[in-house]
N, C-alpha and C. Protein backbone atom coordinates (compact mmCIF):
# COMPACT_ATOMS: atom_id res chain seq x y z
N MET A 1 271.63 -14.55 289.85
CA MET A 1 271.55 -12.77 289.58
C MET A 1 270.37 -12.75 289.70
N SER A 2 270.41 -11.69 290.61
CA SER A 2 269.04 -10.98 291.12
C SER A 2 268.46 -10.43 289.80
N ALA A 3 267.05 -10.10 290.33
CA ALA A 3 265.96 -9.31 289.56
C ALA A 3 266.19 -7.62 288.94
N THR A 4 266.27 -7.56 288.07
CA THR A 4 266.37 -6.16 287.57
C THR A 4 265.09 -5.94 287.07
N ARG A 5 264.79 -4.42 287.58
CA ARG A 5 263.59 -4.05 286.28
C ARG A 5 264.38 -2.23 286.30
N SER A 6 263.79 -1.69 284.72
CA SER A 6 263.64 -0.70 284.42
C SER A 6 262.43 0.63 283.89
N LEU A 7 262.59 1.17 284.55
CA LEU A 7 261.48 2.82 284.19
C LEU A 7 261.79 4.15 283.57
N ASP A 8 261.38 4.72 282.51
CA ASP A 8 261.93 5.39 282.46
C ASP A 8 260.72 6.64 282.48
N LEU A 9 261.10 7.81 283.29
CA LEU A 9 260.12 8.75 283.18
C LEU A 9 260.75 9.97 282.65
N ASP A 10 259.95 10.45 282.61
CA ASP A 10 260.33 12.22 281.70
C ASP A 10 260.17 12.93 282.69
N LEU A 11 260.73 13.62 283.30
CA LEU A 11 260.64 14.91 283.84
C LEU A 11 260.89 16.72 283.41
N PRO A 12 259.60 17.06 282.81
CA PRO A 12 259.48 18.75 282.27
C PRO A 12 260.36 19.50 282.65
N ASP A 13 259.50 19.83 284.41
CA ASP A 13 260.42 20.29 285.14
C ASP A 13 261.09 19.82 286.44
N ALA A 14 261.01 21.02 287.36
CA ALA A 14 261.61 21.25 288.33
C ALA A 14 260.73 20.17 289.71
N ALA A 15 259.64 20.97 289.53
CA ALA A 15 258.32 20.22 290.17
C ALA A 15 257.84 18.57 289.70
N ALA A 16 258.63 18.37 288.74
CA ALA A 16 258.64 16.46 288.19
C ALA A 16 259.58 15.95 289.13
N THR A 17 260.52 16.89 289.30
CA THR A 17 262.06 16.01 289.55
C THR A 17 261.50 15.85 291.21
N ASP A 18 260.38 17.00 291.80
CA ASP A 18 260.47 16.99 293.20
C ASP A 18 259.38 15.60 293.46
N ARG A 19 258.56 15.47 292.73
CA ARG A 19 257.32 14.52 292.45
C ARG A 19 258.34 13.12 293.02
N LEU A 20 259.26 12.90 291.77
CA LEU A 20 259.72 12.02 291.46
C LEU A 20 260.37 11.34 293.19
N GLY A 21 261.12 12.60 293.72
CA GLY A 21 261.72 11.86 294.83
C GLY A 21 260.79 12.08 296.17
N ALA A 22 259.23 12.61 296.37
CA ALA A 22 258.28 12.09 296.57
C ALA A 22 257.86 11.23 296.64
N ALA A 23 258.30 10.36 295.66
CA ALA A 23 257.07 9.14 295.20
C ALA A 23 258.62 7.71 295.83
N LEU A 24 259.50 7.87 295.45
CA LEU A 24 260.88 7.32 296.10
C LEU A 24 260.94 7.24 297.53
N ALA A 25 260.74 8.41 298.55
CA ALA A 25 260.87 8.13 299.57
C ALA A 25 260.28 7.21 300.98
N PRO A 26 258.67 7.00 300.31
CA PRO A 26 258.19 5.74 301.23
C PRO A 26 259.22 4.95 300.93
N ARG A 27 259.50 4.48 299.60
CA ARG A 27 260.15 2.98 299.24
C ARG A 27 261.04 3.22 300.11
N LEU A 28 262.03 3.95 300.50
CA LEU A 28 262.98 3.88 300.66
C LEU A 28 263.43 2.62 302.50
N ALA A 29 264.20 1.82 302.35
CA ALA A 29 264.24 0.81 303.03
C ALA A 29 265.72 0.82 303.68
N ILE A 30 266.03 0.08 305.42
CA ILE A 30 268.01 0.12 305.57
C ILE A 30 268.51 -0.50 304.31
N GLY A 31 269.27 -0.07 303.91
CA GLY A 31 270.33 -0.77 303.34
C GLY A 31 270.05 -0.50 302.49
N ASP A 32 269.77 0.43 301.97
CA ASP A 32 269.78 0.87 300.20
C ASP A 32 270.30 1.70 300.16
N LEU A 33 271.22 0.99 298.90
CA LEU A 33 272.00 2.57 298.25
C LEU A 33 271.41 3.12 296.51
N ILE A 34 271.54 4.27 296.68
CA ILE A 34 270.53 4.86 295.84
C ILE A 34 271.62 5.37 295.03
N LEU A 35 272.23 5.76 293.32
CA LEU A 35 273.33 5.76 292.57
C LEU A 35 272.70 6.79 291.98
N LEU A 36 273.06 8.22 291.40
CA LEU A 36 272.47 9.12 290.88
C LEU A 36 273.60 9.46 289.67
N ARG A 37 273.24 9.23 288.64
CA ARG A 37 274.57 10.23 287.20
C ARG A 37 273.50 10.76 286.48
N GLY A 38 274.68 11.88 286.23
CA GLY A 38 274.01 12.75 285.52
C GLY A 38 275.29 13.53 284.95
N ASP A 39 275.07 14.38 284.15
CA ASP A 39 276.10 15.41 283.45
C ASP A 39 276.10 16.05 284.67
N LEU A 40 276.55 17.39 285.21
CA LEU A 40 276.30 18.56 285.44
C LEU A 40 275.17 19.09 285.18
N GLY A 41 274.65 19.50 286.22
CA GLY A 41 272.68 20.00 285.63
C GLY A 41 272.25 19.11 285.57
N ALA A 42 272.36 17.89 285.55
CA ALA A 42 271.10 16.99 285.16
C ALA A 42 270.25 16.59 286.17
N GLY A 43 270.64 17.10 287.39
CA GLY A 43 269.20 17.21 288.25
C GLY A 43 269.29 16.44 289.27
N LYS A 44 270.98 15.91 289.55
CA LYS A 44 271.04 15.18 290.84
C LYS A 44 271.12 15.71 292.07
N THR A 45 271.02 16.19 292.62
CA THR A 45 271.34 17.02 293.54
C THR A 45 269.59 17.78 294.13
N ALA A 46 269.43 17.69 293.03
CA ALA A 46 267.46 18.43 292.96
C ALA A 46 267.09 16.95 293.35
N LEU A 47 267.42 16.24 292.77
CA LEU A 47 266.44 14.84 293.18
C LEU A 47 266.87 14.75 294.67
N ALA A 48 267.81 14.35 295.12
CA ALA A 48 268.63 13.82 295.92
C ALA A 48 267.69 14.50 297.37
N ARG A 49 267.99 16.11 296.84
CA ARG A 49 267.26 17.03 298.05
C ARG A 49 265.67 16.81 298.43
N ALA A 50 265.04 16.34 297.19
CA ALA A 50 263.73 16.04 296.64
C ALA A 50 263.33 14.88 297.73
N LEU A 51 264.34 13.66 297.38
CA LEU A 51 263.63 12.79 298.23
C LEU A 51 264.22 12.68 299.95
N ILE A 52 265.07 13.54 300.04
CA ILE A 52 265.40 13.73 301.46
C ILE A 52 264.68 14.29 302.12
N GLY A 53 263.92 15.33 301.82
CA GLY A 53 263.12 16.33 301.86
C GLY A 53 261.32 15.44 302.34
N ALA A 54 261.40 14.70 301.31
CA ALA A 54 260.13 14.23 301.42
C ALA A 54 259.82 12.81 302.36
N HIS A 55 261.33 12.33 303.06
CA HIS A 55 261.18 11.30 303.47
C HIS A 55 261.24 12.17 305.30
N LEU A 56 262.32 13.16 305.54
CA LEU A 56 262.08 14.18 306.34
C LEU A 56 260.69 14.45 306.71
N ALA A 57 260.28 15.02 306.27
CA ALA A 57 258.72 15.62 306.21
C ALA A 57 257.46 14.80 306.25
N ALA A 58 257.93 13.06 306.49
CA ALA A 58 257.04 12.67 306.54
C ALA A 58 256.83 12.00 307.83
N HIS A 59 258.65 12.13 307.95
CA HIS A 59 258.44 11.91 309.95
C HIS A 59 258.45 13.20 310.84
N GLY A 60 257.40 14.18 310.18
CA GLY A 60 257.35 15.14 310.98
C GLY A 60 258.65 16.65 311.05
N LEU A 61 259.83 16.28 309.83
CA LEU A 61 261.50 16.72 310.33
C LEU A 61 261.17 17.75 309.33
N ALA A 62 261.26 19.12 309.74
CA ALA A 62 261.36 20.07 308.86
C ALA A 62 263.14 20.70 308.94
N GLU A 63 264.21 19.94 307.89
CA GLU A 63 265.10 20.53 307.68
C GLU A 63 265.94 20.96 306.60
N ASP A 64 266.58 22.03 306.09
CA ASP A 64 267.35 22.71 305.35
C ASP A 64 268.34 20.77 304.82
N VAL A 65 268.53 20.77 303.36
CA VAL A 65 268.53 19.86 303.17
C VAL A 65 269.98 20.65 302.09
N PRO A 66 271.00 20.90 302.15
CA PRO A 66 272.24 21.23 301.47
C PRO A 66 272.85 20.46 300.63
N SER A 67 273.72 21.06 299.41
CA SER A 67 274.78 19.65 298.54
C SER A 67 275.54 19.24 299.46
N PRO A 68 275.85 17.88 299.45
CA PRO A 68 276.94 18.02 300.27
C PRO A 68 278.49 18.64 299.61
N THR A 69 278.54 18.71 298.17
CA THR A 69 279.27 19.31 297.67
C THR A 69 281.12 19.23 298.11
N PHE A 70 280.90 20.12 299.14
CA PHE A 70 282.31 20.38 299.92
C PHE A 70 282.58 19.65 300.66
N THR A 71 281.51 18.82 301.50
CA THR A 71 281.68 18.02 302.78
C THR A 71 281.47 16.61 302.56
N LEU A 72 281.04 16.60 301.59
CA LEU A 72 281.41 14.98 301.12
C LEU A 72 280.12 13.67 301.13
N VAL A 73 279.60 14.18 302.36
CA VAL A 73 278.81 13.32 302.97
C VAL A 73 277.85 14.29 304.18
N GLN A 74 276.66 14.23 303.85
CA GLN A 74 275.86 15.00 304.80
C GLN A 74 274.66 13.96 305.37
N SER A 75 274.89 13.81 306.63
CA SER A 75 273.35 12.86 307.30
C SER A 75 272.16 13.77 307.52
N TYR A 76 271.19 12.97 307.83
CA TYR A 76 269.86 13.25 308.50
C TYR A 76 269.45 12.30 308.83
N GLU A 77 268.88 11.98 309.87
CA GLU A 77 268.35 11.09 310.81
C GLU A 77 266.73 11.25 311.16
N SER A 78 265.90 10.21 310.84
CA SER A 78 264.40 10.41 310.61
C SER A 78 264.22 9.20 312.08
N PRO A 79 263.21 9.07 312.81
CA PRO A 79 262.86 7.64 313.64
C PRO A 79 263.08 6.47 312.75
N ALA A 80 262.85 6.41 311.65
CA ALA A 80 262.77 5.06 310.59
C ALA A 80 264.33 4.92 310.27
N LEU A 81 264.83 5.77 309.82
CA LEU A 81 266.36 5.37 309.69
C LEU A 81 267.11 6.90 309.38
N LEU A 82 268.35 6.86 309.24
CA LEU A 82 269.54 7.15 308.70
C LEU A 82 270.06 7.41 307.49
N ILE A 83 269.94 8.69 306.47
CA ILE A 83 270.07 8.71 305.43
C ILE A 83 271.40 9.74 305.06
N ALA A 84 272.10 9.30 304.58
CA ALA A 84 274.02 9.90 304.39
C ALA A 84 273.58 9.85 302.36
N HIS A 85 273.34 11.41 302.26
CA HIS A 85 273.75 12.14 300.45
C HIS A 85 274.93 12.47 300.52
N VAL A 86 275.64 11.22 299.86
CA VAL A 86 277.39 11.54 299.34
C VAL A 86 277.50 11.87 297.65
N ASP A 87 278.64 13.38 297.77
CA ASP A 87 278.73 13.30 296.71
C ASP A 87 280.29 13.13 296.53
N LEU A 88 280.53 12.36 295.23
CA LEU A 88 281.68 11.94 295.32
C LEU A 88 282.59 12.91 294.02
N TYR A 89 281.63 13.24 293.95
CA TYR A 89 282.54 14.48 292.38
C TYR A 89 284.04 14.87 292.92
N ARG A 90 284.29 14.94 294.17
CA ARG A 90 285.53 15.60 294.66
C ARG A 90 286.59 14.09 295.20
N LEU A 91 286.10 13.40 295.31
CA LEU A 91 287.06 12.01 296.21
C LEU A 91 288.25 11.85 294.79
N GLU A 92 289.10 11.98 296.03
CA GLU A 92 290.36 12.23 295.20
C GLU A 92 290.76 10.58 294.93
N ASN A 93 290.73 9.58 295.15
CA ASN A 93 290.88 8.03 295.08
C ASN A 93 289.78 7.92 295.32
N THR A 94 289.74 6.17 294.56
CA THR A 94 288.65 5.60 295.28
C THR A 94 289.23 4.76 296.45
N GLY A 95 290.00 4.61 297.11
CA GLY A 95 290.66 3.76 298.20
C GLY A 95 289.98 5.10 299.21
N ASP A 96 289.79 6.31 299.07
CA ASP A 96 289.08 6.46 300.14
C ASP A 96 287.95 6.81 300.17
N LEU A 97 287.05 6.28 299.07
CA LEU A 97 285.50 5.78 299.81
C LEU A 97 285.40 4.91 301.30
N ARG A 98 286.40 3.88 301.58
CA ARG A 98 286.50 3.63 302.82
C ARG A 98 285.82 4.20 303.97
N GLU A 99 286.79 5.63 303.74
CA GLU A 99 287.04 6.23 304.99
C GLU A 99 285.89 7.15 305.42
N LEU A 100 285.10 6.79 304.37
CA LEU A 100 283.72 7.58 304.23
C LEU A 100 282.51 6.90 305.42
N GLY A 101 283.22 5.64 305.06
CA GLY A 101 282.30 4.73 306.09
C GLY A 101 280.69 4.32 305.61
N LEU A 102 280.39 4.20 304.20
CA LEU A 102 279.45 3.80 303.86
C LEU A 102 278.70 2.56 304.01
N ALA A 103 279.87 1.35 304.13
CA ALA A 103 279.70 -0.07 304.64
C ALA A 103 279.23 -0.26 306.19
N GLU A 104 279.50 0.70 306.43
CA GLU A 104 278.71 0.72 308.16
C GLU A 104 277.47 1.64 308.30
N LEU A 105 277.27 2.57 307.43
CA LEU A 105 275.88 3.34 307.29
C LEU A 105 275.17 2.38 307.13
N LEU A 106 275.58 1.63 306.09
CA LEU A 106 274.28 0.96 305.00
C LEU A 106 273.44 0.00 306.49
N ASP A 107 274.18 -0.23 307.45
CA ASP A 107 273.63 -1.55 308.63
C ASP A 107 272.38 -0.80 309.06
N GLU A 108 272.67 0.76 309.34
CA GLU A 108 271.33 1.15 309.85
C GLU A 108 270.48 2.21 308.98
N GLY A 109 271.19 2.15 307.72
CA GLY A 109 270.15 3.62 306.85
C GLY A 109 270.50 3.56 304.98
N VAL A 110 270.43 4.47 304.60
CA VAL A 110 270.63 4.58 303.19
C VAL A 110 271.39 5.50 302.57
N ALA A 111 272.24 5.19 301.69
CA ALA A 111 273.20 6.37 300.93
C ALA A 111 272.47 6.72 300.06
N ILE A 112 272.96 7.86 299.54
CA ILE A 112 272.06 8.18 298.23
C ILE A 112 273.53 8.68 298.05
N VAL A 113 274.25 8.51 296.42
CA VAL A 113 275.65 8.80 296.27
C VAL A 113 275.18 9.42 294.60
N GLU A 114 276.11 10.98 294.88
CA GLU A 114 276.02 11.61 293.07
C GLU A 114 277.25 10.89 292.95
N TRP A 115 277.61 10.77 291.28
CA TRP A 115 279.10 10.83 291.15
C TRP A 115 279.65 9.18 291.76
N PRO A 116 278.42 8.68 291.48
CA PRO A 116 279.09 6.72 291.97
C PRO A 116 280.56 5.98 291.16
N GLU A 117 280.53 6.69 289.91
CA GLU A 117 281.84 6.29 289.02
C GLU A 117 282.60 6.86 289.84
N ARG A 118 282.94 7.49 291.06
CA ARG A 118 284.30 8.10 291.29
C ARG A 118 283.96 7.17 292.58
N GLY A 119 283.55 6.15 292.39
CA GLY A 119 284.03 5.43 293.77
C GLY A 119 284.33 3.79 293.20
N GLY A 120 284.30 4.10 292.12
CA GLY A 120 285.15 2.45 291.70
C GLY A 120 284.12 1.30 291.84
N PRO A 121 284.32 0.08 291.56
CA PRO A 121 283.68 -1.23 291.47
C PRO A 121 283.38 -1.61 293.29
N ASP A 122 284.37 -1.03 293.84
CA ASP A 122 284.04 -1.56 295.39
C ASP A 122 282.21 -0.73 295.96
N LEU A 123 282.36 0.31 295.63
CA LEU A 123 281.14 0.89 296.07
C LEU A 123 279.76 0.42 295.35
N LEU A 124 279.78 -0.41 294.54
CA LEU A 124 278.56 -1.25 293.65
C LEU A 124 278.87 -2.65 294.48
N ARG A 125 279.42 -3.07 295.21
CA ARG A 125 279.45 -4.58 295.73
C ARG A 125 278.44 -3.93 297.42
N LEU A 126 278.60 -2.64 297.39
CA LEU A 126 278.23 -2.57 299.12
C LEU A 126 276.65 -3.13 299.76
N ALA A 127 275.73 -2.74 298.37
CA ALA A 127 274.23 -2.90 299.03
C ALA A 127 274.09 -3.84 297.64
N ALA A 128 273.07 -4.92 298.42
CA ALA A 128 272.01 -5.90 297.47
C ALA A 128 270.80 -5.08 296.92
N ALA A 129 270.55 -4.52 297.90
CA ALA A 129 269.30 -3.37 297.32
C ALA A 129 269.62 -2.10 296.64
N ARG A 130 269.36 -2.13 295.33
CA ARG A 130 270.21 -0.58 294.61
C ARG A 130 269.42 -0.34 293.65
N LEU A 131 268.78 1.10 293.83
CA LEU A 131 268.55 1.72 292.64
C LEU A 131 269.09 2.94 291.65
N ASP A 132 269.66 2.45 290.48
CA ASP A 132 270.63 3.59 289.91
C ASP A 132 269.45 4.56 289.54
N ILE A 133 269.93 5.76 289.42
CA ILE A 133 268.94 6.52 288.90
C ILE A 133 269.98 7.17 287.11
N ASP A 134 269.60 7.64 286.45
CA ASP A 134 270.47 8.31 285.20
C ASP A 134 269.86 9.05 284.67
N LEU A 135 270.24 10.22 284.91
CA LEU A 135 269.38 11.56 284.05
C LEU A 135 270.48 12.33 283.59
N THR A 136 269.61 12.64 282.24
CA THR A 136 269.85 12.96 281.12
C THR A 136 268.77 14.24 280.60
N LEU A 137 269.41 15.27 280.34
CA LEU A 137 268.89 16.85 280.21
C LEU A 137 268.48 16.01 278.76
N VAL A 138 267.41 16.92 278.50
CA VAL A 138 266.73 16.71 277.22
C VAL A 138 266.45 18.53 276.43
N PRO A 139 266.74 18.20 274.91
CA PRO A 139 266.63 19.54 274.58
C PRO A 139 265.38 20.19 274.18
N GLU A 140 264.52 19.67 274.37
CA GLU A 140 262.89 20.21 274.72
C GLU A 140 262.43 20.95 275.99
N GLY A 141 263.83 20.34 276.72
CA GLY A 141 263.64 21.07 278.15
C GLY A 141 263.33 20.35 279.01
N GLY A 142 263.60 19.94 280.29
CA GLY A 142 263.69 19.46 281.42
C GLY A 142 264.52 17.62 281.11
N ARG A 143 264.04 16.96 281.99
CA ARG A 143 264.95 15.84 281.93
C ARG A 143 264.28 14.60 281.80
N ARG A 144 265.08 13.82 281.71
CA ARG A 144 264.55 11.70 281.44
C ARG A 144 265.58 10.95 282.32
N ALA A 145 264.76 10.52 282.91
CA ALA A 145 264.76 9.66 284.20
C ALA A 145 264.58 8.36 284.04
N ARG A 146 266.45 7.57 284.13
CA ARG A 146 265.76 5.90 284.13
C ARG A 146 266.05 5.46 284.95
N LEU A 147 265.44 4.64 285.85
CA LEU A 147 265.74 4.04 287.42
C LEU A 147 265.77 2.77 286.77
N THR A 148 266.37 2.32 287.69
CA THR A 148 266.91 0.65 287.56
C THR A 148 267.50 -0.02 288.70
N GLY A 149 266.00 -0.56 289.33
CA GLY A 149 266.15 -1.29 290.59
C GLY A 149 267.14 -2.71 290.45
N SER A 150 267.58 -2.48 291.23
CA SER A 150 268.42 -4.59 291.53
C SER A 150 267.72 -4.78 293.14
N GLY A 151 267.80 -6.19 292.83
CA GLY A 151 267.52 -6.77 294.31
C GLY A 151 266.06 -6.16 294.66
N SER A 152 265.82 -5.77 295.88
CA SER A 152 264.71 -5.55 296.78
C SER A 152 264.08 -4.26 295.07
N TRP A 153 264.61 -3.47 295.28
CA TRP A 153 264.61 -2.37 294.56
C TRP A 153 263.53 -2.63 293.15
N ALA A 154 263.96 -4.04 292.57
CA ALA A 154 262.87 -4.31 291.29
C ALA A 154 261.70 -4.53 291.24
N ALA A 155 260.99 -5.04 292.88
CA ALA A 155 260.07 -4.79 293.38
C ALA A 155 258.84 -3.85 293.95
N ARG A 156 260.08 -2.67 294.09
CA ARG A 156 259.46 -1.40 294.89
C ARG A 156 259.57 -0.36 293.23
N LEU A 157 259.82 -0.72 292.71
CA LEU A 157 259.80 0.04 291.20
C LEU A 157 258.11 -0.05 290.97
N GLU A 158 257.60 -1.29 291.17
CA GLU A 158 256.96 -1.33 290.55
C GLU A 158 254.98 -0.65 291.09
N GLY A 159 254.25 -0.05 290.09
CA GLY A 159 253.56 1.15 290.54
C GLY A 159 254.27 2.29 290.02
N LEU A 160 254.83 2.68 290.19
CA LEU A 160 255.88 4.04 291.21
C LEU A 160 255.35 4.91 289.70
N THR A 161 254.69 5.57 290.22
CA THR A 161 254.27 7.07 289.04
C THR A 161 254.50 8.63 289.99
N ILE A 162 254.51 9.44 288.72
CA ILE A 162 254.98 10.88 289.89
C ILE A 162 253.90 11.66 289.57
C-alpha cells in the first residue's frame, strides 16, 4: 500500500483559493492525477484555474483558463509539461473516459479532473501519484479543503502552506 498524507486547509475567501493553486503549481510533475471533489459552487473550477494559471505564469505564459464544462477537456502546454483540465460532470458513462485519452496524457503531463466520481474506478487506477482535493463550503463563509496525497504526492504535501 502506498503512503498517504492528508492536510486540511481553511480557504476563507477567493484569494486563499488562488494561493492554494499557486502553492500547488510548482509541485506538479509528469504523471500526476489531481482529483477535485465538492458540491456545485464549492470551488473546484476556481482552484483548477488558479493552479493552471500559476503554472503557466511561472513559465512566462499568460493564457485565459476557461472552464472545460462543455468541451470536457481543456489543454495547456508549458515548457515543463502538458496540463489537461477535465470536467466529467457531463460524462455520459464511464466507458467514455477512455476516449478522453487521459492515460496517454499522463505520459507527458498532468490531469486535473473535476467530478472524478463520474469516471468510475478506472480513473483511480490511471496514476500512482494522485492528489485528491475535497472542497466543502463552510457555514461561516469560504470553504475548507482536505488534500490527500498518494504516492509521491504524500511527500510533496510536506510543508505546504498558503
